[in-house]
């Protein structure tokens, strides 16, 4: 009988740990909520805000030069951006990627942007890793983390795959 209680206790502890981990990693915002505005610094030192991209579909992409899965996703993100950047949607004109670098080294970040051919100009980072204003505001605790935002600033997708993002954007075309 002691053995059964021990097994049940271990299972209960594992369940609590698993649920706690899932809660900790869960995105802060969900579909239907308004994406909070934030301002960060571009590679040239200028300020860029999410609100500067209003009127477009925007993929907020929290990524890092040091993150293998992020770098792999960039291979799919580049053609997705090229496909939709000038697209005419039923309710918007164009698509933008707001790349938020979760970084501690500016040179490595800039090198990754160049190596991965991330040609859009909407890159920002405070070089504070997960302590940047945007990462704290969006409760980003792991990367890649992505939010797809509609032209009115409403979140319409959280952590979608590139294929899911493509299908959603395709449905919005004129």
N, C-alpha and C. Protein backbone atom coordinates (compact mmCIF):
# COMPACT_ATOMS: atom_id res chain seq x y z
N UNK A 1 0.81 -1.20 0.00
CA UNK A 1 0.00 0.00 0.00
C UNK A 1 0.86 1.27 0.00
N UNK A 2 1.98 1.23 0.76
CA UNK A 2 2.88 2.38 0.78
C UNK A 2 3.39 2.69 -0.62
N UNK A 3 3.66 1.63 -1.38
CA UNK A 3 4.17 1.80 -2.74
C UNK A 3 3.16 2.57 -3.60
N UNK A 4 1.89 2.23 -3.50
CA UNK A 4 0.85 2.89 -4.29
C UNK A 4 0.77 4.37 -3.91
N UNK A 5 0.81 4.66 -2.60
CA UNK A 5 0.79 6.06 -2.17
C UNK A 5 2.02 6.81 -2.69
N UNK A 6 3.15 6.17 -2.71
CA UNK A 6 4.37 6.80 -3.22
C UNK A 6 4.24 7.11 -4.70
N UNK A 7 3.73 6.16 -5.47
CA UNK A 7 3.56 6.36 -6.91
C UNK A 7 2.56 7.48 -7.17
N UNK A 8 1.44 7.45 -6.47
CA UNK A 8 0.43 8.50 -6.62
C UNK A 8 1.02 9.86 -6.24
N UNK A 9 1.80 9.90 -5.18
CA UNK A 9 2.45 11.16 -4.77
C UNK A 9 3.40 11.67 -5.83
N UNK A 10 4.18 10.78 -6.39
CA UNK A 10 5.13 11.19 -7.45
C UNK A 10 4.38 11.69 -8.67
N UNK A 11 3.33 11.00 -9.06
CA UNK A 11 2.52 11.44 -10.21
C UNK A 11 1.91 12.81 -9.94
N UNK A 12 1.41 13.02 -8.74
CA UNK A 12 0.82 14.32 -8.38
C UNK A 12 1.86 15.43 -8.45
N UNK A 13 3.04 15.17 -7.93
CA UNK A 13 4.12 16.17 -7.98
C UNK A 13 4.50 16.49 -9.42
N UNK A 14 4.64 15.46 -10.24
CA UNK A 14 4.98 15.66 -11.66
C UNK A 14 3.89 16.45 -12.37
N UNK A 15 2.63 16.18 -12.06
CA UNK A 15 1.52 16.91 -12.68
C UNK A 15 1.56 18.39 -12.30
N UNK A 16 1.81 18.67 -11.02
CA UNK A 16 1.90 20.06 -10.57
C UNK A 16 3.06 20.77 -11.26
N UNK A 17 4.20 20.12 -11.36
CA UNK A 17 5.37 20.71 -12.03
C UNK A 17 5.06 20.96 -13.49
N UNK A 18 4.45 19.99 -14.18
CA UNK A 18 4.13 20.13 -15.59
C UNK A 18 3.17 21.29 -15.82
N UNK A 19 2.08 21.37 -15.04
CA UNK A 19 1.12 22.46 -15.18
C UNK A 19 1.75 23.80 -14.84
N UNK A 20 2.60 23.84 -13.84
CA UNK A 20 3.31 25.07 -13.50
C UNK A 20 4.21 25.53 -14.62
N UNK A 21 4.90 24.59 -15.23
CA UNK A 21 5.77 24.92 -16.37
C UNK A 21 4.95 25.46 -17.52
N UNK A 22 3.84 24.82 -17.85
CA UNK A 22 2.97 25.28 -18.95
C UNK A 22 2.42 26.67 -18.66
N UNK A 23 2.02 26.92 -17.43
CA UNK A 23 1.51 28.25 -17.06
C UNK A 23 2.60 29.29 -17.21
N UNK A 24 3.81 28.98 -16.75
CA UNK A 24 4.93 29.91 -16.81
C UNK A 24 5.27 30.27 -18.25
N UNK A 25 5.23 29.31 -19.16
CA UNK A 25 5.61 29.51 -20.55
C UNK A 25 4.47 30.04 -21.42
N UNK A 26 3.25 30.05 -20.93
CA UNK A 26 2.10 30.45 -21.74
C UNK A 26 2.21 31.90 -22.18
N UNK A 27 1.81 32.20 -23.42
CA UNK A 27 1.83 33.59 -23.88
C UNK A 27 0.91 34.46 -23.02
N UNK A 28 1.27 35.71 -22.86
CA UNK A 28 0.49 36.61 -22.02
C UNK A 28 -0.82 37.01 -22.69
N UNK A 29 -0.80 37.16 -24.01
CA UNK A 29 -1.97 37.64 -24.74
C UNK A 29 -2.49 36.54 -25.65
N UNK A 30 -3.79 36.61 -25.93
CA UNK A 30 -4.43 35.60 -26.77
C UNK A 30 -5.17 36.28 -27.92
N UNK A 31 -5.66 35.47 -28.83
CA UNK A 31 -6.44 35.99 -29.96
C UNK A 31 -7.59 36.84 -29.45
N UNK A 32 -7.80 37.96 -30.14
CA UNK A 32 -8.89 38.86 -29.80
C UNK A 32 -8.48 40.02 -28.92
N UNK A 33 -7.36 39.91 -28.27
CA UNK A 33 -6.89 41.02 -27.43
C UNK A 33 -6.13 42.03 -28.29
N UNK A 34 -6.09 43.26 -27.82
CA UNK A 34 -5.32 44.29 -28.50
C UNK A 34 -3.85 44.11 -28.15
N UNK A 35 -3.00 44.14 -29.16
CA UNK A 35 -1.56 44.01 -28.94
C UNK A 35 -1.04 45.29 -28.30
N UNK A 36 -0.46 45.22 -27.12
CA UNK A 36 0.06 46.42 -26.48
C UNK A 36 1.19 47.04 -27.30
N UNK A 37 1.16 48.34 -27.38
CA UNK A 37 2.21 49.06 -28.11
C UNK A 37 3.50 49.06 -27.31
N UNK A 38 4.61 49.04 -28.00
CA UNK A 38 5.91 49.19 -27.38
C UNK A 38 6.82 49.91 -28.36
N UNK A 39 7.86 50.48 -27.82
CA UNK A 39 8.87 51.17 -28.62
C UNK A 39 10.22 50.59 -28.27
N UNK A 40 11.03 50.38 -29.29
CA UNK A 40 12.37 49.86 -29.07
C UNK A 40 13.33 50.50 -30.06
N UNK A 41 14.57 50.05 -30.05
CA UNK A 41 15.63 50.69 -30.82
C UNK A 41 16.03 49.85 -32.02
N UNK A 42 16.13 50.51 -33.17
CA UNK A 42 16.56 49.85 -34.40
C UNK A 42 18.08 49.73 -34.39
N UNK A 43 18.64 48.97 -35.33
CA UNK A 43 20.10 48.85 -35.40
C UNK A 43 20.82 50.19 -35.59
N UNK A 44 20.13 51.17 -36.19
CA UNK A 44 20.75 52.48 -36.42
C UNK A 44 20.54 53.45 -35.25
N UNK A 45 19.86 52.98 -34.19
CA UNK A 45 19.66 53.81 -33.01
C UNK A 45 18.36 54.61 -33.01
N UNK A 46 17.56 54.46 -34.05
CA UNK A 46 16.28 55.15 -34.10
C UNK A 46 15.25 54.39 -33.27
N UNK A 47 14.18 55.07 -32.91
CA UNK A 47 13.09 54.43 -32.17
C UNK A 47 12.02 53.96 -33.16
N UNK A 48 11.47 52.80 -32.91
CA UNK A 48 10.41 52.23 -33.73
C UNK A 48 9.37 51.64 -32.79
N UNK A 49 8.09 51.95 -33.06
CA UNK A 49 6.99 51.46 -32.25
C UNK A 49 6.12 50.52 -33.07
N UNK A 50 5.48 49.61 -32.40
CA UNK A 50 4.50 48.75 -33.06
C UNK A 50 3.44 49.61 -33.73
N UNK A 51 3.01 50.67 -33.09
CA UNK A 51 1.97 51.55 -33.64
C UNK A 51 2.39 52.20 -34.95
N UNK A 52 3.69 52.29 -35.23
CA UNK A 52 4.16 52.85 -36.50
C UNK A 52 3.74 51.97 -37.68
N UNK A 53 3.37 50.73 -37.41
CA UNK A 53 3.03 49.78 -38.46
C UNK A 53 1.52 49.57 -38.58
N UNK A 54 0.75 50.40 -37.89
CA UNK A 54 -0.71 50.27 -37.94
C UNK A 54 -1.20 50.39 -39.38
N UNK A 55 -2.20 49.61 -39.71
CA UNK A 55 -2.74 49.60 -41.06
C UNK A 55 -2.22 48.44 -41.89
N UNK A 56 -1.25 47.70 -41.34
CA UNK A 56 -0.70 46.51 -41.99
C UNK A 56 -0.94 45.31 -41.09
N UNK A 57 -0.83 44.14 -41.68
CA UNK A 57 -0.71 42.94 -40.86
C UNK A 57 0.73 42.91 -40.37
N UNK A 58 0.92 42.62 -39.10
CA UNK A 58 2.26 42.64 -38.51
C UNK A 58 2.49 41.33 -37.77
N UNK A 59 3.63 40.73 -38.06
CA UNK A 59 4.06 39.58 -37.29
C UNK A 59 5.14 40.06 -36.33
N UNK A 60 4.82 40.08 -35.03
CA UNK A 60 5.80 40.42 -34.02
C UNK A 60 6.57 39.13 -33.74
N UNK A 61 7.85 39.14 -34.07
CA UNK A 61 8.67 37.94 -34.00
C UNK A 61 9.76 38.14 -32.95
N UNK A 62 9.59 37.54 -31.79
CA UNK A 62 10.62 37.55 -30.76
C UNK A 62 11.58 36.41 -31.08
N UNK A 63 12.83 36.75 -31.34
CA UNK A 63 13.81 35.75 -31.77
C UNK A 63 15.19 36.13 -31.24
N UNK A 64 16.17 35.27 -31.45
CA UNK A 64 17.53 35.56 -31.03
C UNK A 64 18.55 34.98 -31.99
N UNK A 65 19.65 35.67 -32.14
CA UNK A 65 20.73 35.20 -33.00
C UNK A 65 21.33 33.90 -32.47
N UNK A 66 21.18 33.66 -31.20
CA UNK A 66 21.74 32.49 -30.51
C UNK A 66 20.76 31.33 -30.44
N UNK A 67 19.56 31.51 -30.99
CA UNK A 67 18.47 30.53 -30.89
C UNK A 67 18.39 29.71 -32.17
N UNK A 68 18.76 28.44 -32.09
CA UNK A 68 18.73 27.57 -33.26
C UNK A 68 17.36 27.47 -33.91
N UNK A 69 16.29 27.19 -33.15
CA UNK A 69 14.96 27.12 -33.77
C UNK A 69 14.52 28.44 -34.42
N UNK A 70 14.93 29.57 -33.84
CA UNK A 70 14.61 30.88 -34.44
C UNK A 70 15.28 31.01 -35.80
N UNK A 71 16.54 30.66 -35.84
CA UNK A 71 17.30 30.79 -37.08
C UNK A 71 16.73 29.86 -38.16
N UNK A 72 16.27 28.69 -37.76
CA UNK A 72 15.65 27.76 -38.72
C UNK A 72 14.34 28.36 -39.25
N UNK A 73 13.54 28.97 -38.37
CA UNK A 73 12.28 29.58 -38.81
C UNK A 73 12.52 30.75 -39.75
N UNK A 74 13.65 31.44 -39.59
CA UNK A 74 13.95 32.57 -40.48
C UNK A 74 13.98 32.13 -41.94
N UNK A 75 14.36 30.89 -42.19
CA UNK A 75 14.39 30.38 -43.56
C UNK A 75 13.00 30.35 -44.18
N UNK A 76 11.98 30.19 -43.36
CA UNK A 76 10.60 30.21 -43.85
C UNK A 76 10.00 31.61 -43.78
N UNK A 77 10.49 32.42 -42.84
CA UNK A 77 9.97 33.76 -42.67
C UNK A 77 10.35 34.68 -43.83
N UNK A 78 11.55 34.52 -44.35
CA UNK A 78 12.01 35.38 -45.45
C UNK A 78 11.08 35.27 -46.66
N UNK A 79 10.77 34.06 -47.17
CA UNK A 79 9.85 34.00 -48.32
C UNK A 79 8.42 34.43 -47.97
N UNK A 80 7.97 34.21 -46.72
CA UNK A 80 6.64 34.66 -46.31
C UNK A 80 6.57 36.18 -46.38
N UNK A 81 7.60 36.84 -45.88
CA UNK A 81 7.64 38.30 -45.94
C UNK A 81 7.65 38.79 -47.38
N UNK A 82 8.46 38.18 -48.22
CA UNK A 82 8.54 38.57 -49.63
C UNK A 82 7.19 38.41 -50.33
N UNK A 83 6.47 37.36 -49.98
CA UNK A 83 5.18 37.07 -50.61
C UNK A 83 4.12 38.11 -50.27
N UNK A 84 4.12 38.60 -49.02
CA UNK A 84 3.02 39.45 -48.57
C UNK A 84 3.39 40.91 -48.28
N UNK A 85 4.65 41.29 -48.36
CA UNK A 85 5.03 42.64 -47.93
C UNK A 85 4.29 43.75 -48.67
N UNK A 86 3.98 43.54 -49.94
CA UNK A 86 3.25 44.55 -50.72
C UNK A 86 1.85 44.10 -51.08
N UNK A 87 1.35 43.09 -50.42
CA UNK A 87 0.04 42.52 -50.74
C UNK A 87 -1.08 43.50 -50.42
N UNK A 88 -2.11 43.41 -51.21
CA UNK A 88 -3.33 44.18 -50.95
C UNK A 88 -4.34 43.24 -50.33
N UNK A 89 -4.61 43.46 -49.07
CA UNK A 89 -5.57 42.66 -48.34
C UNK A 89 -6.92 43.36 -48.37
N UNK A 90 -7.96 42.65 -48.01
CA UNK A 90 -9.30 43.24 -48.01
C UNK A 90 -9.40 44.39 -47.01
N UNK A 91 -8.58 44.38 -45.97
CA UNK A 91 -8.67 45.39 -44.92
C UNK A 91 -7.33 46.06 -44.59
N UNK A 92 -6.32 45.82 -45.44
CA UNK A 92 -4.99 46.38 -45.14
C UNK A 92 -4.16 46.44 -46.39
N UNK A 93 -3.11 47.21 -46.29
CA UNK A 93 -2.15 47.29 -47.38
C UNK A 93 -0.78 46.89 -46.84
N UNK A 94 -0.39 45.66 -47.14
CA UNK A 94 0.93 45.21 -46.79
C UNK A 94 1.02 44.39 -45.51
N UNK A 95 2.20 43.80 -45.37
CA UNK A 95 2.53 42.92 -44.26
C UNK A 95 3.93 43.29 -43.80
N UNK A 96 4.12 43.37 -42.51
CA UNK A 96 5.44 43.70 -41.96
C UNK A 96 5.81 42.69 -40.88
N UNK A 97 7.09 42.47 -40.76
CA UNK A 97 7.62 41.67 -39.67
C UNK A 97 8.33 42.63 -38.73
N UNK A 98 7.92 42.64 -37.48
CA UNK A 98 8.61 43.42 -36.47
C UNK A 98 9.46 42.44 -35.68
N UNK A 99 10.72 42.36 -36.05
CA UNK A 99 11.66 41.41 -35.43
C UNK A 99 12.22 42.01 -34.15
N UNK A 100 11.92 41.37 -33.04
CA UNK A 100 12.38 41.84 -31.73
C UNK A 100 13.51 40.92 -31.28
N UNK A 101 14.73 41.44 -31.32
CA UNK A 101 15.90 40.66 -30.96
C UNK A 101 16.03 40.50 -29.45
N UNK A 102 16.03 39.26 -29.00
CA UNK A 102 16.26 38.94 -27.59
C UNK A 102 17.77 38.67 -27.50
N UNK A 103 18.52 39.72 -27.25
CA UNK A 103 19.97 39.70 -27.46
C UNK A 103 20.76 40.27 -26.29
N UNK A 104 22.04 39.90 -26.27
CA UNK A 104 23.01 40.52 -25.37
C UNK A 104 24.21 41.04 -26.13
N UNK A 105 24.27 40.77 -27.44
CA UNK A 105 25.43 41.16 -28.23
C UNK A 105 24.96 41.76 -29.55
N UNK A 106 25.14 43.07 -29.70
CA UNK A 106 24.63 43.76 -30.89
C UNK A 106 25.32 43.27 -32.17
N UNK A 107 26.62 43.04 -32.14
CA UNK A 107 27.33 42.59 -33.34
C UNK A 107 26.81 41.24 -33.81
N UNK A 108 26.59 40.33 -32.89
CA UNK A 108 26.09 39.00 -33.24
C UNK A 108 24.67 39.11 -33.82
N UNK A 109 23.84 39.99 -33.24
CA UNK A 109 22.48 40.23 -33.72
C UNK A 109 22.50 40.75 -35.16
N UNK A 110 23.32 41.77 -35.41
CA UNK A 110 23.41 42.34 -36.76
C UNK A 110 23.95 41.33 -37.76
N UNK A 111 24.91 40.53 -37.34
CA UNK A 111 25.46 39.49 -38.23
C UNK A 111 24.38 38.46 -38.59
N UNK A 112 23.56 38.07 -37.62
CA UNK A 112 22.48 37.11 -37.87
C UNK A 112 21.44 37.68 -38.83
N UNK A 113 21.11 38.95 -38.68
CA UNK A 113 20.16 39.61 -39.60
C UNK A 113 20.70 39.51 -41.02
N UNK A 114 21.98 39.80 -41.18
CA UNK A 114 22.60 39.74 -42.52
C UNK A 114 22.69 38.30 -43.03
N UNK A 115 23.16 37.39 -42.20
CA UNK A 115 23.32 35.99 -42.62
C UNK A 115 22.00 35.35 -43.00
N UNK A 116 20.94 35.68 -42.28
CA UNK A 116 19.64 35.07 -42.54
C UNK A 116 18.84 35.83 -43.61
N UNK A 117 19.43 36.89 -44.16
CA UNK A 117 18.81 37.68 -45.23
C UNK A 117 17.47 38.28 -44.80
N UNK A 118 17.44 38.81 -43.59
CA UNK A 118 16.24 39.45 -43.06
C UNK A 118 16.22 40.89 -43.55
N UNK A 119 15.72 41.10 -44.75
CA UNK A 119 15.87 42.35 -45.48
C UNK A 119 14.96 43.48 -45.02
N UNK A 120 13.96 43.19 -44.20
CA UNK A 120 13.06 44.25 -43.77
C UNK A 120 13.78 45.17 -42.79
N UNK A 121 13.29 46.38 -42.68
CA UNK A 121 13.96 47.41 -41.86
C UNK A 121 13.40 47.49 -40.44
N UNK A 122 12.46 46.65 -40.12
CA UNK A 122 11.77 46.75 -38.83
C UNK A 122 12.34 45.75 -37.82
N UNK A 123 13.62 45.94 -37.52
CA UNK A 123 14.32 45.16 -36.49
C UNK A 123 14.53 46.06 -35.29
N UNK A 124 14.29 45.52 -34.10
CA UNK A 124 14.53 46.27 -32.87
C UNK A 124 15.14 45.36 -31.82
N UNK A 125 15.90 45.95 -30.94
CA UNK A 125 16.42 45.24 -29.77
C UNK A 125 16.98 46.26 -28.79
N UNK A 126 16.79 45.99 -27.52
CA UNK A 126 17.39 46.81 -26.47
C UNK A 126 18.67 46.17 -25.96
N UNK A 127 19.03 45.03 -26.52
CA UNK A 127 20.21 44.26 -26.11
C UNK A 127 20.17 43.99 -24.60
N UNK A 128 18.98 43.57 -24.14
CA UNK A 128 18.79 43.26 -22.71
C UNK A 128 18.21 41.86 -22.54
N UNK A 129 18.33 41.04 -23.56
CA UNK A 129 17.80 39.68 -23.59
C UNK A 129 16.32 39.69 -23.19
N UNK A 130 15.92 38.93 -22.21
CA UNK A 130 14.51 38.84 -21.83
C UNK A 130 14.07 39.99 -20.93
N UNK A 131 14.95 40.93 -20.63
CA UNK A 131 14.61 42.07 -19.79
C UNK A 131 14.29 43.33 -20.60
N UNK A 132 14.12 43.19 -21.90
CA UNK A 132 13.75 44.35 -22.71
C UNK A 132 12.29 44.70 -22.43
N UNK A 133 11.93 45.94 -22.73
CA UNK A 133 10.57 46.41 -22.49
C UNK A 133 9.55 45.51 -23.20
N UNK A 134 9.81 45.19 -24.46
CA UNK A 134 8.86 44.40 -25.24
C UNK A 134 8.74 42.98 -24.69
N UNK A 135 9.86 42.36 -24.36
CA UNK A 135 9.83 40.99 -23.83
C UNK A 135 9.09 40.94 -22.49
N UNK A 136 9.30 41.92 -21.64
CA UNK A 136 8.60 41.96 -20.36
C UNK A 136 7.11 42.23 -20.56
N UNK A 137 6.78 43.16 -21.46
CA UNK A 137 5.39 43.51 -21.72
C UNK A 137 4.61 42.31 -22.24
N UNK A 138 5.24 41.52 -23.10
CA UNK A 138 4.58 40.35 -23.71
C UNK A 138 4.86 39.05 -22.95
N UNK A 139 5.55 39.16 -21.82
CA UNK A 139 5.88 38.00 -20.98
C UNK A 139 6.58 36.91 -21.79
N UNK A 140 7.54 37.32 -22.59
CA UNK A 140 8.28 36.36 -23.41
C UNK A 140 9.32 35.69 -22.53
N UNK A 141 9.19 34.38 -22.40
CA UNK A 141 10.11 33.60 -21.57
C UNK A 141 10.83 32.53 -22.38
N UNK A 142 10.39 32.37 -23.63
CA UNK A 142 11.08 31.46 -24.53
C UNK A 142 10.92 31.99 -25.95
N UNK A 143 11.87 31.64 -26.77
CA UNK A 143 11.80 32.05 -28.17
C UNK A 143 12.02 30.82 -29.03
N UNK A 144 11.47 30.84 -30.23
CA UNK A 144 10.70 31.92 -30.85
C UNK A 144 9.29 32.04 -30.24
N UNK A 145 8.83 33.28 -30.14
CA UNK A 145 7.46 33.61 -29.77
C UNK A 145 6.96 34.59 -30.81
N UNK A 146 5.75 34.34 -31.30
CA UNK A 146 5.21 35.18 -32.38
C UNK A 146 3.77 35.58 -32.10
N UNK A 147 3.45 36.81 -32.48
CA UNK A 147 2.08 37.32 -32.42
C UNK A 147 1.75 37.90 -33.78
N UNK A 148 0.67 37.45 -34.41
CA UNK A 148 0.19 38.04 -35.66
C UNK A 148 -0.90 39.03 -35.29
N UNK A 149 -0.72 40.26 -35.77
CA UNK A 149 -1.59 41.38 -35.40
C UNK A 149 -2.26 41.91 -36.67
N UNK A 150 -3.56 42.18 -36.58
CA UNK A 150 -4.29 42.70 -37.73
C UNK A 150 -4.07 44.21 -37.87
N UNK A 151 -4.57 44.83 -38.94
CA UNK A 151 -4.32 46.26 -39.17
C UNK A 151 -4.86 47.19 -38.09
N UNK A 152 -5.79 46.71 -37.27
CA UNK A 152 -6.34 47.51 -36.18
C UNK A 152 -5.65 47.27 -34.85
N UNK A 153 -4.61 46.43 -34.86
CA UNK A 153 -3.86 46.18 -33.64
C UNK A 153 -4.37 45.02 -32.82
N UNK A 154 -5.29 44.22 -33.36
CA UNK A 154 -5.83 43.09 -32.62
C UNK A 154 -5.03 41.83 -32.94
N UNK A 155 -4.75 41.05 -31.92
CA UNK A 155 -4.02 39.80 -32.08
C UNK A 155 -4.94 38.77 -32.73
N UNK A 156 -4.46 38.18 -33.84
CA UNK A 156 -5.26 37.17 -34.54
C UNK A 156 -4.54 35.82 -34.61
N UNK A 157 -3.35 35.75 -34.05
CA UNK A 157 -2.62 34.49 -34.03
C UNK A 157 -1.46 34.54 -33.05
N UNK A 158 -1.32 33.48 -32.28
CA UNK A 158 -0.23 33.40 -31.31
C UNK A 158 0.56 32.12 -31.58
N UNK A 159 1.85 32.29 -31.81
CA UNK A 159 2.75 31.16 -32.04
C UNK A 159 2.27 30.24 -33.16
N UNK A 160 1.77 30.85 -34.22
CA UNK A 160 1.38 30.09 -35.40
C UNK A 160 2.63 29.59 -36.13
N UNK A 161 2.50 28.48 -36.82
CA UNK A 161 3.59 28.06 -37.70
C UNK A 161 3.61 28.99 -38.90
N UNK A 162 4.67 28.94 -39.66
CA UNK A 162 4.74 29.77 -40.87
C UNK A 162 3.65 29.36 -41.86
N UNK A 163 3.33 28.08 -41.92
CA UNK A 163 2.28 27.59 -42.82
C UNK A 163 0.92 28.12 -42.38
N UNK A 164 0.66 28.12 -41.08
CA UNK A 164 -0.60 28.65 -40.57
C UNK A 164 -0.70 30.15 -40.82
N UNK A 165 0.39 30.86 -40.64
CA UNK A 165 0.41 32.30 -40.91
C UNK A 165 0.14 32.56 -42.38
N UNK A 166 0.77 31.79 -43.25
CA UNK A 166 0.58 31.92 -44.69
C UNK A 166 -0.89 31.70 -45.05
N UNK A 167 -1.49 30.65 -44.53
CA UNK A 167 -2.91 30.35 -44.83
C UNK A 167 -3.82 31.48 -44.34
N UNK A 168 -3.55 32.00 -43.15
CA UNK A 168 -4.38 33.07 -42.60
C UNK A 168 -4.26 34.33 -43.45
N UNK A 169 -3.04 34.69 -43.83
CA UNK A 169 -2.85 35.87 -44.67
C UNK A 169 -3.47 35.68 -46.05
N UNK A 170 -3.35 34.49 -46.61
CA UNK A 170 -3.91 34.22 -47.93
C UNK A 170 -5.43 34.43 -47.93
N UNK A 171 -6.09 34.07 -46.84
CA UNK A 171 -7.54 34.24 -46.74
C UNK A 171 -7.94 35.73 -46.71
N UNK A 172 -7.00 36.58 -46.29
CA UNK A 172 -7.30 38.01 -46.16
C UNK A 172 -7.03 38.80 -47.43
N UNK A 173 -6.44 38.16 -48.45
CA UNK A 173 -6.14 38.86 -49.71
C UNK A 173 -7.41 39.30 -50.41
N UNK A 174 -7.30 40.39 -51.19
CA UNK A 174 -8.44 40.87 -51.99
C UNK A 174 -8.77 39.86 -53.05
